[in-house]
Amino acid sequence: MHRLSGTISIQLSHGGRQCFPSLLGGAQPMAPSAVYDPSTRITPRAMDDAEIWDLIDAFADAARRALYAGFDGVQIHAAHGYLVNEFLSPHTNRRDDYWGGDEERRFHFIEEIYEAMRKEVVSAFPIMVKMNVDDFIEGGLTPAASLRIAKRLQIIGISAIEISGGMFESGKMTVRPNIEKEEQEAYFRKAAGLFARELVIPVILVGGIRTRSIAEDILQKEDAELISFSRPLIREPDLPLKFMQGKERADCISCNNCMRFQKLDMIKCTQLRQ
């Protein structure tokens, strides 16, 4: 990446209650609270205090390794129903201790992760966050609550925030299929615009962006400072270059087959001959 004048960051995540026991040697997934997950049909076990601090140290160790490996930044994955999101969300965090009970205490886990990471990396090393604007679950995070969290993240020093939404049990709200029309694109744009106007730090928008004109319009109207792609880059890793050369629309058809990781030997576009 650096040899080609590129910049690369790595996303750090823990699956929490959404971990499959088959990938854990049959072990029960852990989470802030023992809240049944209908998408996996599993009830996780609640973490004890020592396990929470061990995971905070693990995130910090990962940030240090990323820095020494040559990455230019890290992103904490605090969206999509994974562990950090589970601590932030009142739907999955039913604790009544330092780690939960109200909005301020639910924030402690990500705050402690950030502080521990910052001690392990240089001050100029970006630490970003990907977070839900909405859990799309009854009793979960709402846009108003998420904006308050984003403002807290800005205060403690987070470098940028990527906007997404939904948990596994939200169904197709996170990674929406069959995006065929421009009006179906950028389904978190309205929320991103709200965040962008309320925050000073950069806002990154992900979610169903398929055409160059939509991406340009988002930037021109300052609904986000940066555009993020996932599925389109699995099909076309050089898509940004193609956009620069005049291509208007990504080839990705949003079939979501690239996400069927348990049935694939590697993450890849199933529409292409490998």
Protein backbone atom coordinates (compact mmCIF):
# COMPACT_ATOMS: atom_id res chain seq x y z
CA MET A 1 0.00 0.00 0.00
CA HIS A 2 2.70 2.48 0.98
CA ARG A 3 4.83 1.57 -2.02
CA LEU A 4 1.93 2.68 -4.20
CA SER A 5 1.37 5.86 -2.14
CA GLY A 6 -1.72 4.42 -0.47
CA THR A 7 -3.00 4.73 3.09
CA ILE A 8 -4.34 1.74 5.00
CA SER A 9 -6.21 1.33 8.29
CA ILE A 10 -7.43 -1.84 9.98
CA GLN A 11 -10.78 -2.47 11.63
CA LEU A 12 -10.72 -4.05 15.10
CA SER A 13 -13.78 -5.97 16.24
CA HIS A 14 -15.19 -8.60 18.58
CA GLY A 15 -18.36 -10.45 17.63
CA GLY A 16 -19.84 -10.68 21.12
CA ARG A 17 -23.22 -12.46 21.19
CA GLN A 18 -23.17 -12.74 17.39
CA CYS A 19 -20.21 -15.15 17.39
CA PHE A 20 -21.13 -18.59 16.11
CA PRO A 21 -20.28 -21.40 18.57
CA SER A 22 -19.00 -23.44 15.61
CA LEU A 23 -16.22 -20.86 15.26
CA LEU A 24 -15.55 -20.85 19.01
CA GLY A 25 -14.86 -24.54 19.45
CA GLY A 26 -18.41 -24.97 20.65
CA ALA A 27 -18.10 -22.34 23.40
CA GLN A 28 -21.00 -20.10 24.36
CA PRO A 29 -20.64 -16.51 23.04
CA MET A 30 -20.22 -13.74 25.60
CA ALA A 31 -21.88 -10.35 25.80
CA PRO A 32 -22.63 -7.54 28.24
CA SER A 33 -25.85 -9.30 29.26
CA ALA A 34 -27.51 -12.67 28.63
CA VAL A 35 -29.99 -11.41 26.02
CA TYR A 36 -31.34 -14.03 23.60
CA ASP A 37 -30.43 -13.45 19.94
CA PRO A 38 -33.22 -14.69 17.63
CA SER A 39 -30.96 -14.50 14.57
CA THR A 40 -28.56 -17.11 15.96
CA ARG A 41 -31.01 -18.70 18.42
CA ILE A 42 -28.38 -18.39 21.12
CA THR A 43 -28.39 -16.80 24.55
CA PRO A 44 -24.88 -15.53 25.35
CA ARG A 45 -23.36 -15.54 28.79
CA ALA A 46 -22.85 -12.23 30.58
CA MET A 47 -19.22 -11.15 30.90
CA ASP A 48 -17.73 -10.59 34.32
CA ASP A 49 -15.69 -7.53 35.21
CA ALA A 50 -12.31 -9.23 34.72
CA GLU A 51 -13.27 -10.41 31.22
CA ILE A 52 -14.32 -6.90 30.25
CA TRP A 53 -10.97 -5.43 31.31
CA ASP A 54 -9.14 -8.28 29.53
CA LEU A 55 -10.94 -7.38 26.30
CA ILE A 56 -10.12 -3.69 26.71
CA ASP A 57 -6.45 -4.70 27.02
CA ALA A 58 -6.84 -6.90 23.92
CA PHE A 59 -8.14 -3.97 21.87
CA ALA A 60 -5.21 -1.85 23.07
CA ASP A 61 -2.71 -4.60 22.22
CA ALA A 62 -4.25 -4.89 18.75
CA ALA A 63 -3.85 -1.14 18.17
CA ARG A 64 -0.19 -1.34 19.17
CA ARG A 65 0.41 -4.27 16.80
CA ALA A 66 -1.33 -2.38 14.00
CA LEU A 67 0.96 0.60 14.50
CA TYR A 68 4.11 -1.52 14.52
CA ALA A 69 2.90 -3.48 11.49
CA GLY A 70 2.75 -0.24 9.51
CA PHE A 71 -0.95 0.58 9.43
CA ASP A 72 -1.83 4.27 9.25
CA GLY A 73 -4.79 4.05 11.64
CA VAL A 74 -7.35 1.77 13.28
CA GLN A 75 -11.12 1.71 13.44
CA ILE A 76 -13.11 0.37 16.38
CA HIS A 77 -16.11 -1.56 15.06
CA ALA A 78 -18.94 -0.37 17.31
CA ALA A 79 -21.81 -1.16 14.92
CA HIS A 80 -23.90 -4.06 13.59
CA GLY A 81 -24.61 -5.75 16.91
CA TYR A 82 -21.00 -6.71 17.63
CA LEU A 83 -19.59 -6.47 21.13
CA VAL A 84 -18.88 -2.73 21.38
CA ASN A 85 -22.31 -1.94 19.92
CA GLU A 86 -23.78 -4.38 22.45
CA PHE A 87 -22.35 -2.34 25.32
CA LEU A 88 -23.67 0.92 23.81
CA SER A 89 -27.17 -0.39 23.10
CA PRO A 90 -29.83 -0.54 25.83
CA HIS A 91 -31.29 -3.54 23.98
CA THR A 92 -28.27 -5.73 24.65
CA ASN A 93 -26.79 -4.04 27.73
CA ARG A 94 -29.02 -4.73 30.75
CA ARG A 95 -26.27 -4.31 33.35
CA ASP A 96 -26.44 -2.13 36.44
CA ASP A 97 -22.78 -1.51 37.25
CA TYR A 98 -19.89 0.57 35.85
CA TRP A 99 -20.58 -0.87 32.38
CA GLY A 100 -24.34 -0.26 32.13
CA GLY A 101 -27.52 1.03 33.66
CA ASP A 102 -27.79 4.36 31.85
CA GLU A 103 -26.40 6.01 28.73
CA GLU A 104 -23.30 7.35 30.46
CA ARG A 105 -22.32 3.99 31.90
CA ARG A 106 -23.00 2.15 28.65
CA PHE A 107 -20.43 4.48 27.09
CA HIS A 108 -17.67 3.38 29.50
CA PHE A 109 -16.62 0.30 27.50
CA ILE A 110 -15.79 2.16 24.29
CA GLU A 111 -14.32 5.04 26.30
CA GLU A 112 -11.98 2.68 28.18
CA ILE A 113 -11.02 0.99 24.89
CA TYR A 114 -10.12 4.33 23.34
CA GLU A 115 -8.10 5.47 26.37
CA ALA A 116 -6.23 2.15 26.49
CA MET A 117 -5.51 2.30 22.76
CA ARG A 118 -4.30 5.89 22.93
CA LYS A 119 -1.69 4.90 25.52
CA GLU A 120 -0.28 2.33 23.07
CA VAL A 121 0.00 4.47 19.93
CA VAL A 122 1.47 7.84 19.01
CA SER A 123 -0.75 10.89 19.40
CA ALA A 124 -1.00 11.45 15.64
CA PHE A 125 -2.20 7.87 15.00
CA PRO A 126 -5.90 8.03 13.97
CA ILE A 127 -8.39 6.01 16.01
CA MET A 128 -11.76 5.96 14.25
CA VAL A 129 -15.13 4.43 15.14
CA LYS A 130 -17.81 2.72 13.06
CA MET A 131 -21.14 3.03 14.87
CA ASN A 132 -24.85 2.47 14.47
CA VAL A 133 -27.03 5.48 13.90
CA ASP A 134 -29.98 3.17 14.63
CA ASP A 135 -30.12 -0.43 15.88
CA PHE A 136 -33.50 -0.92 14.15
CA ILE A 137 -34.50 -2.97 17.21
CA GLU A 138 -37.19 -2.10 19.74
CA GLY A 139 -35.42 -0.73 22.80
CA GLY A 140 -32.15 -0.25 20.89
CA LEU A 141 -30.17 2.81 19.88
CA THR A 142 -32.08 5.61 18.12
CA PRO A 143 -30.59 8.41 15.96
CA ALA A 144 -30.94 10.90 18.85
CA ALA A 145 -29.11 8.61 21.28
CA SER A 146 -26.45 7.77 18.70
CA LEU A 147 -25.78 11.45 18.04
CA ARG A 148 -25.20 11.98 21.76
CA ILE A 149 -22.73 9.07 21.70
CA ALA A 150 -20.99 10.56 18.67
CA LYS A 151 -20.59 13.87 20.49
CA ARG A 152 -19.06 12.03 23.45
CA LEU A 153 -16.67 10.26 21.09
CA GLN A 154 -15.65 13.58 19.59
CA ILE A 155 -14.93 14.98 23.06
CA ILE A 156 -12.67 12.11 24.08
CA GLY A 157 -10.64 12.43 20.87
CA ILE A 158 -11.97 10.02 18.23
CA SER A 159 -10.57 10.96 14.81
CA ALA A 160 -13.59 10.16 12.58
CA ILE A 161 -16.95 8.39 12.72
CA GLU A 162 -18.37 6.04 10.11
CA ILE A 163 -22.18 5.86 10.04
CA SER A 164 -24.03 2.56 9.65
CA GLY A 165 -26.93 0.76 11.33
CA GLY A 166 -28.66 -2.45 12.35
CA MET A 167 -27.83 -5.73 14.09
CA PHE A 168 -28.05 -9.30 12.79
CA GLU A 169 -31.53 -9.59 14.25
CA SER A 170 -32.59 -6.41 12.42
CA GLY A 171 -32.77 -8.47 9.22
CA LYS A 172 -31.71 -6.72 6.02
CA MET A 173 -31.51 -3.22 7.48
CA THR A 174 -27.70 -3.26 7.67
CA VAL A 175 -26.77 -4.63 4.24
CA ARG A 176 -29.75 -4.03 1.99
CA PRO A 177 -30.04 -6.19 -1.14
CA ASN A 178 -31.10 -5.45 -4.70
CA ILE A 179 -30.05 -1.82 -4.98
CA GLU A 180 -31.17 -1.03 -8.51
CA LYS A 181 -32.25 2.63 -8.43
CA GLU A 182 -30.48 5.76 -7.28
CA GLU A 183 -33.21 6.47 -4.72
CA GLN A 184 -32.32 3.16 -3.03
CA GLU A 185 -28.71 4.20 -2.57
CA ALA A 186 -27.03 5.77 0.47
CA TYR A 187 -29.71 4.62 2.89
CA PHE A 188 -27.95 6.17 5.90
CA ARG A 189 -27.41 9.52 4.17
CA LYS A 190 -30.02 11.50 6.09
CA ALA A 191 -28.52 10.43 9.41
CA ALA A 192 -24.99 11.10 8.18
CA GLY A 193 -25.99 14.63 7.18
CA LEU A 194 -27.31 15.25 10.69
CA PHE A 195 -24.07 13.96 12.22
CA ALA A 196 -21.95 15.97 9.77
CA ARG A 197 -23.71 19.20 10.71
CA GLU A 198 -23.44 18.54 14.44
CA LEU A 199 -19.84 17.27 14.58
CA VAL A 200 -16.47 18.80 13.82
CA ILE A 201 -14.64 15.53 13.16
CA PRO A 202 -15.06 13.87 9.73
CA VAL A 203 -18.14 11.73 9.07
CA ILE A 204 -17.79 8.70 6.79
CA LEU A 205 -20.87 7.35 4.99
CA VAL A 206 -21.36 3.70 4.06
CA GLY A 207 -24.41 1.81 2.85
CA GLY A 208 -25.61 1.12 -0.66
CA ILE A 209 -23.66 3.77 -2.57
CA ARG A 210 -23.31 2.49 -6.12
CA THR A 211 -23.03 5.48 -8.48
CA ARG A 212 -20.38 8.13 -8.85
CA SER A 213 -22.95 10.93 -9.12
CA ILE A 214 -24.55 9.99 -5.78
CA ALA A 215 -21.15 9.86 -4.09
CA GLU A 216 -20.23 13.27 -5.53
CA ASP A 217 -23.56 14.74 -4.46
CA ILE A 218 -23.05 13.51 -0.89
CA LEU A 219 -19.66 15.21 -0.75
CA GLN A 220 -20.78 18.40 -2.47
CA LYS A 221 -23.76 18.82 -0.13
CA GLU A 222 -21.53 18.00 2.88
CA ASP A 223 -23.66 15.12 4.11
CA ALA A 224 -20.33 13.35 4.73
CA GLU A 225 -16.64 14.08 4.32
CA LEU A 226 -15.69 10.60 3.15
CA ILE A 227 -17.40 7.80 1.19
CA SER A 228 -17.05 4.15 2.19
CA PHE A 229 -17.65 1.08 0.01
CA SER A 230 -17.79 -2.58 1.00
CA ARG A 231 -19.61 -4.97 -1.33
CA PRO A 232 -18.73 -2.99 -4.51
CA LEU A 233 -15.02 -3.32 -3.68
CA ILE A 234 -15.35 -7.09 -3.26
CA ARG A 235 -16.45 -7.23 -6.87
CA GLU A 236 -14.26 -4.36 -8.15
CA PRO A 237 -11.29 -3.59 -5.89
CA ASP A 238 -10.25 -0.80 -8.30
CA LEU A 239 -13.69 0.85 -8.37
CA PRO A 240 -12.48 4.28 -7.10
CA LEU A 241 -9.95 4.39 -9.93
CA LYS A 242 -12.67 3.46 -12.41
CA PHE A 243 -14.83 6.28 -11.04
CA MET A 244 -11.93 8.69 -11.57
CA GLN A 245 -11.64 7.43 -15.14
CA GLY A 246 -15.33 8.13 -15.84
CA LYS A 247 -17.24 4.99 -14.87
CA GLU A 248 -20.66 5.94 -13.47
CA ARG A 249 -22.00 2.82 -11.72
CA ALA A 250 -20.47 -0.08 -9.82
CA ASP A 251 -21.00 -3.59 -11.17
CA CYS A 252 -22.13 -4.89 -7.76
CA ILE A 253 -25.77 -6.09 -7.92
CA SER A 254 -26.18 -6.26 -4.11
CA CYS A 255 -27.04 -9.96 -4.11
CA ASN A 256 -25.25 -10.36 -0.74
CA ASN A 257 -23.86 -13.78 -1.66
CA CYS A 258 -20.37 -12.51 -0.82
CA MET A 259 -21.52 -12.38 2.82
CA ARG A 260 -22.25 -16.11 3.06
CA PHE A 261 -18.86 -16.61 4.67
CA GLN A 262 -19.61 -20.03 6.14
CA LYS A 263 -20.19 -21.42 2.65
CA LEU A 264 -17.28 -19.66 0.89
CA ASP A 265 -13.60 -20.58 0.91
CA MET A 266 -12.84 -16.85 0.88
CA ILE A 267 -14.74 -13.56 0.65
CA LYS A 268 -15.42 -13.07 -3.04
CA CYS A 269 -18.02 -12.01 -5.56
CA THR A 270 -19.98 -15.14 -6.50
CA GLN A 271 -21.15 -13.53 -9.76
CA LEU A 272 -17.64 -13.60 -11.21
CA ARG A 273 -15.63 -16.56 -12.40
CA GLN A 274 -12.64 -16.82 -10.11
